[in-house]
Amino acid sequence: MNDAEPLRADPLHARAGGADRDMVDVAVGVLIRPADACFLLTSRPVGKAYAGYWEFPGGKFERGESVTDALRRELQEELGIEALEILPWRSKVVDYPHALVRLHFCKVTAWSGALQMREGQHFSWQQLPVRVAPVLPGTIPVLDWLATERTTIRSGTASLNNEISGNSGHRAGSIVD
């Protein structure tokens, strides 16, 4: 699928508001623990669309907020933490039956405070492949991006290790020959 194309979740369901729905901007935090590269998923609370589905935490922008401002506020409101390092990363439009959303994903690599599930949700630190289900459709592209990054990093590390160990495929002295 082309990353620029909207992801259409549950395509057989009617769209609330029809074809002319307003786009809702949502800031989403991909919290990554530096020690083990696990990322945080939270369950959607009872009473919300897709209740019980696993997602990355975040929420809607308020008027005048930047992506990072909205994410800082949402992480404080939902999880009781203060985000210290936020790196805007990627975005994806998802067409859900209940809303058309533009998800602004940010990597969060430092925060203070202990996790508090202030909306009655559950949390789980995960690695790929994830071991929780079901996963919210808008979460799936992020898992793909993380897998691609992991593969790219492993390939780069293997190439670097080959260079260092002399297994680069070049004969010693070939630059001079």
N, C-alpha and C. Protein backbone atom coordinates (compact mmCIF):
# COMPACT_ATOMS: atom_id res chain seq x y z
N MET A 1 0.85 -1.18 0.00
CA MET A 1 0.00 0.00 0.00
C MET A 1 0.89 1.24 0.00
N ASN A 2 0.52 2.22 -0.78
CA ASN A 2 1.22 3.50 -0.83
C ASN A 2 1.00 4.21 0.50
N ASP A 3 2.11 4.67 1.12
CA ASP A 3 2.02 5.33 2.42
C ASP A 3 1.21 6.62 2.35
N ALA A 4 1.14 7.24 1.19
CA ALA A 4 0.40 8.49 1.04
C ALA A 4 -1.11 8.25 0.98
N GLU A 5 -1.50 7.06 0.63
CA GLU A 5 -2.93 6.75 0.53
C GLU A 5 -3.51 6.52 1.92
N PRO A 6 -4.75 6.98 2.14
CA PRO A 6 -5.38 6.72 3.44
C PRO A 6 -5.59 5.22 3.65
N LEU A 7 -5.44 4.80 4.87
CA LEU A 7 -5.75 3.43 5.25
C LEU A 7 -7.24 3.39 5.56
N ARG A 8 -7.97 2.52 4.88
CA ARG A 8 -9.43 2.44 5.09
C ARG A 8 -9.71 1.27 6.03
N ALA A 9 -10.04 1.60 7.27
CA ALA A 9 -10.35 0.59 8.28
C ALA A 9 -11.78 0.11 8.11
N ASP A 10 -12.00 -1.18 8.26
CA ASP A 10 -13.34 -1.75 8.16
C ASP A 10 -14.09 -1.22 6.94
N PRO A 11 -13.60 -1.53 5.75
CA PRO A 11 -14.17 -0.94 4.53
C PRO A 11 -15.63 -1.27 4.25
N LEU A 12 -16.16 -2.31 4.86
CA LEU A 12 -17.55 -2.68 4.60
C LEU A 12 -18.54 -1.88 5.45
N HIS A 13 -18.04 -1.11 6.43
CA HIS A 13 -18.92 -0.31 7.29
C HIS A 13 -19.14 1.07 6.70
N ALA A 14 -20.36 1.59 6.89
CA ALA A 14 -20.69 2.95 6.44
C ALA A 14 -19.86 3.97 7.21
N ARG A 15 -19.62 5.12 6.58
CA ARG A 15 -18.85 6.19 7.19
C ARG A 15 -19.78 7.22 7.81
N ALA A 16 -19.64 7.45 9.14
CA ALA A 16 -20.44 8.48 9.83
C ALA A 16 -20.07 9.83 9.26
N GLY A 17 -21.06 10.60 8.85
CA GLY A 17 -20.79 11.92 8.29
C GLY A 17 -20.59 11.92 6.78
N GLY A 18 -20.57 10.75 6.16
CA GLY A 18 -20.45 10.68 4.71
C GLY A 18 -19.05 11.03 4.20
N ALA A 19 -19.00 11.33 2.91
CA ALA A 19 -17.72 11.57 2.23
C ALA A 19 -17.09 12.91 2.58
N ASP A 20 -17.88 13.85 3.08
CA ASP A 20 -17.36 15.20 3.35
C ASP A 20 -17.02 15.42 4.82
N ARG A 21 -16.52 14.40 5.48
CA ARG A 21 -16.18 14.53 6.90
C ARG A 21 -14.95 15.40 7.09
N ASP A 22 -14.92 16.08 8.23
CA ASP A 22 -13.74 16.86 8.58
C ASP A 22 -12.63 15.92 9.03
N MET A 23 -11.39 16.32 8.73
CA MET A 23 -10.22 15.57 9.18
C MET A 23 -9.95 15.94 10.64
N VAL A 24 -9.69 14.94 11.46
CA VAL A 24 -9.34 15.15 12.87
C VAL A 24 -7.86 14.86 13.03
N ASP A 25 -7.10 15.83 13.54
CA ASP A 25 -5.66 15.63 13.77
C ASP A 25 -5.45 15.03 15.15
N VAL A 26 -4.62 13.99 15.20
CA VAL A 26 -4.36 13.25 16.43
C VAL A 26 -2.84 13.11 16.61
N ALA A 27 -2.35 13.46 17.79
CA ALA A 27 -0.95 13.27 18.14
C ALA A 27 -0.80 11.90 18.80
N VAL A 28 0.17 11.12 18.36
CA VAL A 28 0.34 9.76 18.85
C VAL A 28 1.78 9.55 19.29
N GLY A 29 1.95 9.00 20.49
CA GLY A 29 3.28 8.75 21.03
C GLY A 29 3.71 7.31 20.88
N VAL A 30 4.86 7.12 20.26
CA VAL A 30 5.49 5.81 20.19
C VAL A 30 6.58 5.84 21.26
N LEU A 31 6.20 5.45 22.49
CA LEU A 31 7.14 5.46 23.60
C LEU A 31 8.05 4.26 23.48
N ILE A 32 9.35 4.53 23.44
CA ILE A 32 10.34 3.48 23.27
C ILE A 32 11.29 3.50 24.45
N ARG A 33 11.40 2.36 25.14
CA ARG A 33 12.36 2.26 26.25
C ARG A 33 13.74 2.06 25.68
N PRO A 34 14.65 2.98 25.93
CA PRO A 34 16.00 2.86 25.37
C PRO A 34 16.74 1.58 25.80
N ALA A 35 16.50 1.10 27.00
CA ALA A 35 17.24 -0.05 27.52
C ALA A 35 17.01 -1.33 26.70
N ASP A 36 15.77 -1.53 26.23
CA ASP A 36 15.47 -2.79 25.54
C ASP A 36 14.69 -2.60 24.24
N ALA A 37 14.45 -1.35 23.84
CA ALA A 37 13.75 -1.01 22.59
C ALA A 37 12.29 -1.50 22.57
N CYS A 38 11.74 -1.84 23.74
CA CYS A 38 10.32 -2.18 23.80
C CYS A 38 9.51 -0.89 23.61
N PHE A 39 8.32 -1.03 23.04
CA PHE A 39 7.43 0.11 22.85
C PHE A 39 6.14 -0.14 23.59
N LEU A 40 5.49 0.96 23.96
CA LEU A 40 4.29 0.90 24.79
C LEU A 40 3.03 0.86 23.93
N LEU A 41 2.17 -0.11 24.20
CA LEU A 41 0.82 -0.14 23.64
C LEU A 41 -0.17 -0.05 24.79
N THR A 42 -1.27 0.63 24.55
CA THR A 42 -2.33 0.73 25.55
C THR A 42 -3.64 0.27 24.92
N SER A 43 -4.54 -0.21 25.76
CA SER A 43 -5.84 -0.65 25.24
C SER A 43 -6.80 0.54 25.23
N ARG A 44 -7.68 0.56 24.26
CA ARG A 44 -8.69 1.63 24.21
C ARG A 44 -9.73 1.37 25.29
N PRO A 45 -10.09 2.42 26.02
CA PRO A 45 -11.01 2.24 27.15
C PRO A 45 -12.44 1.91 26.71
N VAL A 46 -13.18 1.33 27.63
CA VAL A 46 -14.60 1.03 27.44
C VAL A 46 -15.32 2.35 27.15
N GLY A 47 -16.25 2.31 26.21
CA GLY A 47 -17.03 3.50 25.86
C GLY A 47 -16.49 4.24 24.64
N LYS A 48 -15.29 3.91 24.18
CA LYS A 48 -14.74 4.53 22.98
C LYS A 48 -14.85 3.55 21.82
N ALA A 49 -14.85 4.10 20.60
CA ALA A 49 -14.84 3.24 19.41
C ALA A 49 -13.63 2.31 19.50
N TYR A 50 -13.81 1.08 19.09
CA TYR A 50 -12.76 0.06 19.12
C TYR A 50 -12.28 -0.21 20.55
N ALA A 51 -13.16 -0.16 21.52
CA ALA A 51 -12.80 -0.46 22.91
C ALA A 51 -12.10 -1.81 22.99
N GLY A 52 -11.02 -1.86 23.76
CA GLY A 52 -10.26 -3.10 23.94
C GLY A 52 -9.17 -3.32 22.91
N TYR A 53 -9.19 -2.57 21.82
CA TYR A 53 -8.12 -2.69 20.81
C TYR A 53 -6.85 -2.03 21.35
N TRP A 54 -5.70 -2.53 20.93
CA TRP A 54 -4.41 -2.01 21.37
C TRP A 54 -3.91 -0.95 20.39
N GLU A 55 -3.35 0.11 20.96
CA GLU A 55 -2.90 1.24 20.16
C GLU A 55 -1.72 1.93 20.85
N PHE A 56 -1.11 2.86 20.14
CA PHE A 56 -0.13 3.75 20.74
C PHE A 56 -0.92 4.89 21.38
N PRO A 57 -0.50 5.38 22.56
CA PRO A 57 -1.28 6.41 23.25
C PRO A 57 -1.22 7.77 22.57
N GLY A 58 -2.25 8.57 22.78
CA GLY A 58 -2.30 9.92 22.23
C GLY A 58 -3.72 10.42 22.17
N GLY A 59 -3.92 11.51 21.44
CA GLY A 59 -5.27 12.05 21.34
C GLY A 59 -5.34 13.27 20.44
N LYS A 60 -6.54 13.81 20.34
CA LYS A 60 -6.83 14.93 19.43
C LYS A 60 -6.11 16.21 19.84
N PHE A 61 -5.75 16.97 18.82
CA PHE A 61 -5.21 18.30 19.04
C PHE A 61 -6.31 19.19 19.60
N GLU A 62 -5.94 20.12 20.45
CA GLU A 62 -6.84 21.20 20.83
C GLU A 62 -6.45 22.42 20.00
N ARG A 63 -7.38 23.36 19.86
CA ARG A 63 -7.15 24.54 19.03
C ARG A 63 -5.83 25.22 19.39
N GLY A 64 -5.01 25.47 18.36
CA GLY A 64 -3.75 26.18 18.53
C GLY A 64 -2.57 25.33 18.98
N GLU A 65 -2.79 24.04 19.24
CA GLU A 65 -1.69 23.19 19.70
C GLU A 65 -0.83 22.70 18.54
N SER A 66 0.46 22.57 18.79
CA SER A 66 1.35 21.89 17.86
C SER A 66 1.26 20.38 18.14
N VAL A 67 1.87 19.58 17.30
CA VAL A 67 1.89 18.13 17.51
C VAL A 67 2.51 17.81 18.87
N THR A 68 3.66 18.40 19.15
CA THR A 68 4.35 18.07 20.40
C THR A 68 3.58 18.58 21.62
N ASP A 69 2.95 19.75 21.51
CA ASP A 69 2.13 20.26 22.62
C ASP A 69 0.96 19.32 22.90
N ALA A 70 0.29 18.90 21.85
CA ALA A 70 -0.86 18.00 22.00
C ALA A 70 -0.42 16.67 22.61
N LEU A 71 0.70 16.15 22.15
CA LEU A 71 1.16 14.86 22.67
C LEU A 71 1.58 14.97 24.13
N ARG A 72 2.29 16.03 24.48
CA ARG A 72 2.66 16.23 25.90
C ARG A 72 1.41 16.25 26.79
N ARG A 73 0.40 17.01 26.37
CA ARG A 73 -0.84 17.11 27.14
C ARG A 73 -1.52 15.75 27.24
N GLU A 74 -1.66 15.07 26.12
CA GLU A 74 -2.36 13.78 26.11
C GLU A 74 -1.64 12.73 26.96
N LEU A 75 -0.32 12.69 26.90
CA LEU A 75 0.42 11.70 27.70
C LEU A 75 0.27 12.00 29.19
N GLN A 76 0.21 13.28 29.54
CA GLN A 76 -0.02 13.65 30.94
C GLN A 76 -1.44 13.25 31.37
N GLU A 77 -2.44 13.56 30.53
CA GLU A 77 -3.84 13.26 30.87
C GLU A 77 -4.12 11.76 30.93
N GLU A 78 -3.60 11.00 29.96
CA GLU A 78 -3.91 9.58 29.86
C GLU A 78 -3.02 8.70 30.74
N LEU A 79 -1.72 9.04 30.77
CA LEU A 79 -0.74 8.14 31.40
C LEU A 79 -0.06 8.72 32.63
N GLY A 80 -0.25 10.02 32.90
CA GLY A 80 0.36 10.64 34.05
C GLY A 80 1.86 10.84 33.95
N ILE A 81 2.38 10.89 32.72
CA ILE A 81 3.82 11.08 32.54
C ILE A 81 4.10 12.41 31.84
N GLU A 82 5.31 12.91 32.02
CA GLU A 82 5.75 14.11 31.32
C GLU A 82 6.75 13.69 30.25
N ALA A 83 6.40 13.94 29.00
CA ALA A 83 7.29 13.60 27.88
C ALA A 83 8.44 14.60 27.84
N LEU A 84 9.67 14.10 27.83
CA LEU A 84 10.85 14.96 27.84
C LEU A 84 11.52 15.05 26.48
N GLU A 85 11.50 13.96 25.72
CA GLU A 85 12.09 13.94 24.38
C GLU A 85 11.06 13.42 23.38
N ILE A 86 10.61 14.32 22.50
CA ILE A 86 9.61 13.99 21.48
C ILE A 86 10.20 14.30 20.12
N LEU A 87 10.21 13.31 19.25
CA LEU A 87 10.72 13.48 17.90
C LEU A 87 9.59 13.21 16.90
N PRO A 88 9.04 14.26 16.25
CA PRO A 88 8.03 14.01 15.21
C PRO A 88 8.62 13.04 14.17
N TRP A 89 7.82 12.06 13.77
CA TRP A 89 8.36 10.96 12.98
C TRP A 89 7.64 10.80 11.64
N ARG A 90 6.41 10.36 11.65
CA ARG A 90 5.65 10.09 10.42
C ARG A 90 4.19 10.42 10.66
N SER A 91 3.43 10.46 9.55
CA SER A 91 1.98 10.64 9.69
C SER A 91 1.27 9.70 8.73
N LYS A 92 0.01 9.45 9.06
CA LYS A 92 -0.81 8.54 8.25
C LYS A 92 -2.27 8.92 8.42
N VAL A 93 -2.99 9.01 7.30
CA VAL A 93 -4.44 9.24 7.35
C VAL A 93 -5.13 7.88 7.43
N VAL A 94 -6.06 7.78 8.38
CA VAL A 94 -6.84 6.55 8.54
C VAL A 94 -8.31 6.92 8.47
N ASP A 95 -9.03 6.23 7.60
CA ASP A 95 -10.46 6.44 7.40
C ASP A 95 -11.20 5.35 8.18
N TYR A 96 -11.57 5.69 9.41
CA TYR A 96 -12.36 4.78 10.25
C TYR A 96 -13.85 5.04 9.97
N PRO A 97 -14.71 4.07 10.25
CA PRO A 97 -16.14 4.32 10.08
C PRO A 97 -16.64 5.50 10.92
N HIS A 98 -16.09 5.72 12.09
CA HIS A 98 -16.56 6.78 13.00
C HIS A 98 -15.84 8.11 12.82
N ALA A 99 -14.68 8.13 12.13
CA ALA A 99 -13.91 9.37 12.00
C ALA A 99 -12.82 9.24 10.94
N LEU A 100 -12.50 10.36 10.33
CA LEU A 100 -11.38 10.45 9.40
C LEU A 100 -10.26 11.15 10.17
N VAL A 101 -9.16 10.45 10.40
CA VAL A 101 -8.11 10.99 11.26
C VAL A 101 -6.76 11.05 10.55
N ARG A 102 -6.02 12.10 10.87
CA ARG A 102 -4.62 12.21 10.45
C ARG A 102 -3.79 11.96 11.70
N LEU A 103 -3.12 10.83 11.73
CA LEU A 103 -2.32 10.44 12.89
C LEU A 103 -0.90 10.98 12.71
N HIS A 104 -0.46 11.77 13.67
CA HIS A 104 0.89 12.34 13.67
C HIS A 104 1.70 11.55 14.70
N PHE A 105 2.54 10.64 14.21
CA PHE A 105 3.30 9.78 15.11
C PHE A 105 4.62 10.44 15.50
N CYS A 106 4.91 10.39 16.79
CA CYS A 106 6.15 10.93 17.33
C CYS A 106 6.81 9.85 18.18
N LYS A 107 8.13 9.74 18.05
CA LYS A 107 8.86 8.85 18.95
C LYS A 107 9.13 9.61 20.24
N VAL A 108 8.88 8.94 21.34
CA VAL A 108 9.14 9.50 22.66
C VAL A 108 10.16 8.59 23.32
N THR A 109 11.36 9.13 23.57
CA THR A 109 12.44 8.30 24.10
C THR A 109 12.83 8.65 25.53
N ALA A 110 12.24 9.70 26.08
CA ALA A 110 12.50 10.05 27.48
C ALA A 110 11.25 10.67 28.08
N TRP A 111 10.96 10.28 29.30
CA TRP A 111 9.81 10.81 30.02
C TRP A 111 10.08 10.68 31.51
N SER A 112 9.31 11.40 32.30
CA SER A 112 9.42 11.27 33.75
C SER A 112 8.06 10.89 34.31
N GLY A 113 8.10 10.20 35.45
CA GLY A 113 6.87 9.75 36.09
C GLY A 113 6.59 8.29 35.79
N ALA A 114 5.82 7.69 36.68
CA ALA A 114 5.42 6.29 36.51
C ALA A 114 4.11 6.25 35.73
N LEU A 115 3.95 5.23 34.91
CA LEU A 115 2.72 5.08 34.13
C LEU A 115 1.52 4.90 35.05
N GLN A 116 0.47 5.67 34.78
CA GLN A 116 -0.80 5.56 35.49
C GLN A 116 -1.89 5.48 34.41
N MET A 117 -2.65 4.45 34.42
CA MET A 117 -3.68 4.31 33.40
C MET A 117 -4.93 5.06 33.86
N ARG A 118 -4.96 6.36 33.54
CA ARG A 118 -5.98 7.27 34.06
C ARG A 118 -7.34 7.14 33.40
N GLU A 119 -7.43 6.36 32.31
CA GLU A 119 -8.72 6.18 31.63
C GLU A 119 -9.21 4.73 31.74
N GLY A 120 -8.63 3.98 32.68
CA GLY A 120 -9.04 2.60 32.87
C GLY A 120 -8.50 1.65 31.82
N GLN A 121 -7.54 2.10 31.04
CA GLN A 121 -6.97 1.24 30.01
C GLN A 121 -5.88 0.34 30.61
N HIS A 122 -5.43 -0.61 29.82
CA HIS A 122 -4.33 -1.49 30.20
C HIS A 122 -3.12 -1.08 29.37
N PHE A 123 -1.93 -1.50 29.81
CA PHE A 123 -0.74 -1.23 29.01
C PHE A 123 0.12 -2.47 28.92
N SER A 124 0.95 -2.48 27.88
CA SER A 124 1.86 -3.60 27.68
C SER A 124 3.09 -3.11 26.91
N TRP A 125 4.27 -3.43 27.44
CA TRP A 125 5.51 -3.15 26.70
C TRP A 125 5.71 -4.30 25.73
N GLN A 126 5.89 -3.95 24.46
CA GLN A 126 5.94 -4.95 23.40
C GLN A 126 7.21 -4.84 22.57
N GLN A 127 7.52 -5.94 21.89
CA GLN A 127 8.52 -5.97 20.83
C GLN A 127 7.85 -6.64 19.64
N LEU A 128 8.50 -6.60 18.50
CA LEU A 128 7.95 -7.24 17.31
C LEU A 128 8.32 -8.71 17.31
N PRO A 129 7.39 -9.58 16.95
CA PRO A 129 5.98 -9.31 16.68
C PRO A 129 5.22 -9.08 17.99
N VAL A 130 4.18 -8.24 17.93
CA VAL A 130 3.43 -7.95 19.14
C VAL A 130 2.66 -9.18 19.59
N ARG A 131 2.43 -9.27 20.88
CA ARG A 131 1.76 -10.42 21.46
C ARG A 131 0.41 -10.06 22.07
N VAL A 132 -0.11 -8.88 21.72
CA VAL A 132 -1.44 -8.49 22.18
C VAL A 132 -2.35 -8.38 20.95
N ALA A 133 -3.64 -8.57 21.19
CA ALA A 133 -4.60 -8.48 20.09
C ALA A 133 -5.96 -8.16 20.69
N PRO A 134 -6.84 -7.56 19.91
CA PRO A 134 -6.63 -7.06 18.55
C PRO A 134 -5.90 -5.71 18.57
N VAL A 135 -5.28 -5.41 17.44
CA VAL A 135 -4.53 -4.16 17.29
C VAL A 135 -5.36 -3.21 16.43
N LEU A 136 -5.44 -1.94 16.87
CA LEU A 136 -6.19 -0.92 16.13
C LEU A 136 -5.60 -0.78 14.72
N PRO A 137 -6.43 -0.68 13.67
CA PRO A 137 -5.91 -0.57 12.31
C PRO A 137 -4.85 0.53 12.12
N GLY A 138 -5.01 1.68 12.77
CA GLY A 138 -4.03 2.75 12.62
C GLY A 138 -2.69 2.47 13.26
N THR A 139 -2.61 1.41 14.04
CA THR A 139 -1.35 0.99 14.68
C THR A 139 -0.51 0.14 13.74
N ILE A 140 -1.15 -0.55 12.83
CA ILE A 140 -0.45 -1.50 11.96
C ILE A 140 0.64 -0.85 11.12
N PRO A 141 0.42 0.32 10.49
CA PRO A 141 1.53 0.92 9.73
C PRO A 141 2.75 1.21 10.60
N VAL A 142 2.54 1.60 11.85
CA VAL A 142 3.66 1.88 12.75
C VAL A 142 4.46 0.62 13.01
N LEU A 143 3.78 -0.49 13.21
CA LEU A 143 4.47 -1.75 13.43
C LEU A 143 5.30 -2.11 12.20
N ASP A 144 4.75 -1.86 11.01
CA ASP A 144 5.50 -2.09 9.77
C ASP A 144 6.72 -1.18 9.69
N TRP A 145 6.56 0.11 10.04
CA TRP A 145 7.68 1.05 9.99
C TRP A 145 8.77 0.64 10.97
N LEU A 146 8.36 0.22 12.17
CA LEU A 146 9.34 -0.23 13.16
C LEU A 146 10.08 -1.47 12.67
N ALA A 147 9.36 -2.39 12.03
CA ALA A 147 10.00 -3.60 11.49
C ALA A 147 11.00 -3.24 10.40
N THR A 148 10.63 -2.28 9.54
CA THR A 148 11.54 -1.84 8.48
C THR A 148 12.78 -1.20 9.08
N GLU A 149 12.60 -0.36 10.08
CA GLU A 149 13.75 0.27 10.75
C GLU A 149 14.66 -0.78 11.37
N ARG A 150 14.05 -1.77 12.01
CA ARG A 150 14.84 -2.82 12.65
C ARG A 150 15.65 -3.59 11.62
N THR A 151 15.03 -3.89 10.48
CA THR A 151 15.73 -4.59 9.40
C THR A 151 16.86 -3.75 8.84
N THR A 152 16.60 -2.46 8.63
CA THR A 152 17.61 -1.55 8.10
C THR A 152 18.78 -1.43 9.07
N ILE A 153 18.48 -1.31 10.36
CA ILE A 153 19.55 -1.20 11.36
C ILE A 153 20.37 -2.48 11.40
N ARG A 154 19.70 -3.63 11.35
CA ARG A 154 20.44 -4.91 11.36
C ARG A 154 21.32 -5.04 10.13
N SER A 155 20.80 -4.65 8.96
CA SER A 155 21.58 -4.72 7.72
C SER A 155 22.79 -3.80 7.81
N GLY A 156 22.57 -2.59 8.32
CA GLY A 156 23.67 -1.63 8.47
C GLY A 156 24.71 -2.12 9.44
N THR A 157 24.28 -2.73 10.53
CA THR A 157 25.21 -3.26 11.52
C THR A 157 26.01 -4.41 10.93
N ALA A 158 25.35 -5.28 10.16
CA ALA A 158 26.06 -6.40 9.53
C ALA A 158 27.10 -5.87 8.55
N SER A 159 26.76 -4.86 7.77
CA SER A 159 27.72 -4.27 6.82
C SER A 159 28.89 -3.65 7.56
N LEU A 160 28.60 -2.93 8.64
CA LEU A 160 29.65 -2.30 9.42
C LEU A 160 30.55 -3.36 10.05
N ASN A 161 29.97 -4.43 10.57
CA ASN A 161 30.77 -5.51 11.15
C ASN A 161 31.67 -6.15 10.10
N ASN A 162 31.16 -6.33 8.88
CA ASN A 162 31.97 -6.88 7.80
C ASN A 162 33.13 -5.96 7.46
N GLU A 163 32.86 -4.66 7.42
CA GLU A 163 33.91 -3.68 7.14
C GLU A 163 35.00 -3.76 8.20
N ILE A 164 34.58 -3.79 9.46
CA ILE A 164 35.54 -3.81 10.56
C ILE A 164 36.35 -5.09 10.55
N SER A 165 35.71 -6.23 10.26
CA SER A 165 36.42 -7.51 10.30
C SER A 165 37.17 -7.80 9.00
N GLY A 166 37.06 -6.91 8.03
CA GLY A 166 37.78 -7.12 6.77
C GLY A 166 37.05 -7.99 5.78
N ASN A 167 35.79 -8.26 6.00
CA ASN A 167 35.00 -9.10 5.10
C ASN A 167 34.12 -8.26 4.18
N SER A 168 34.61 -7.11 3.76
CA SER A 168 33.78 -6.21 2.96
C SER A 168 33.67 -6.62 1.51
N GLY A 169 34.40 -7.66 1.15
CA GLY A 169 34.35 -8.10 -0.23
C GLY A 169 35.43 -7.43 -1.09
N HIS A 170 36.20 -6.55 -0.52
CA HIS A 170 37.29 -5.89 -1.23
C HIS A 170 38.60 -6.52 -0.83
N ARG A 171 39.47 -6.70 -1.80
CA ARG A 171 40.79 -7.27 -1.53
C ARG A 171 41.65 -6.21 -0.84
N ALA A 172 42.39 -6.61 0.15
CA ALA A 172 43.27 -5.67 0.84
C ALA A 172 44.19 -5.02 -0.18
N GLY A 173 44.30 -3.71 -0.12
CA GLY A 173 45.16 -2.98 -1.05
C GLY A 173 44.52 -2.71 -2.39
N SER A 174 43.25 -3.05 -2.58
CA SER A 174 42.63 -2.89 -3.88
C SER A 174 42.52 -1.44 -4.30
N ILE A 175 42.50 -0.51 -3.36
CA ILE A 175 42.41 0.90 -3.71
C ILE A 175 43.69 1.34 -4.39
N VAL A 176 44.82 0.77 -3.99
CA VAL A 176 46.12 1.16 -4.52
C VAL A 176 46.41 0.44 -5.83
N ASP A 177 45.92 -0.78 -5.99
CA ASP A 177 46.23 -1.61 -7.18
C ASP A 177 45.84 -0.96 -8.45
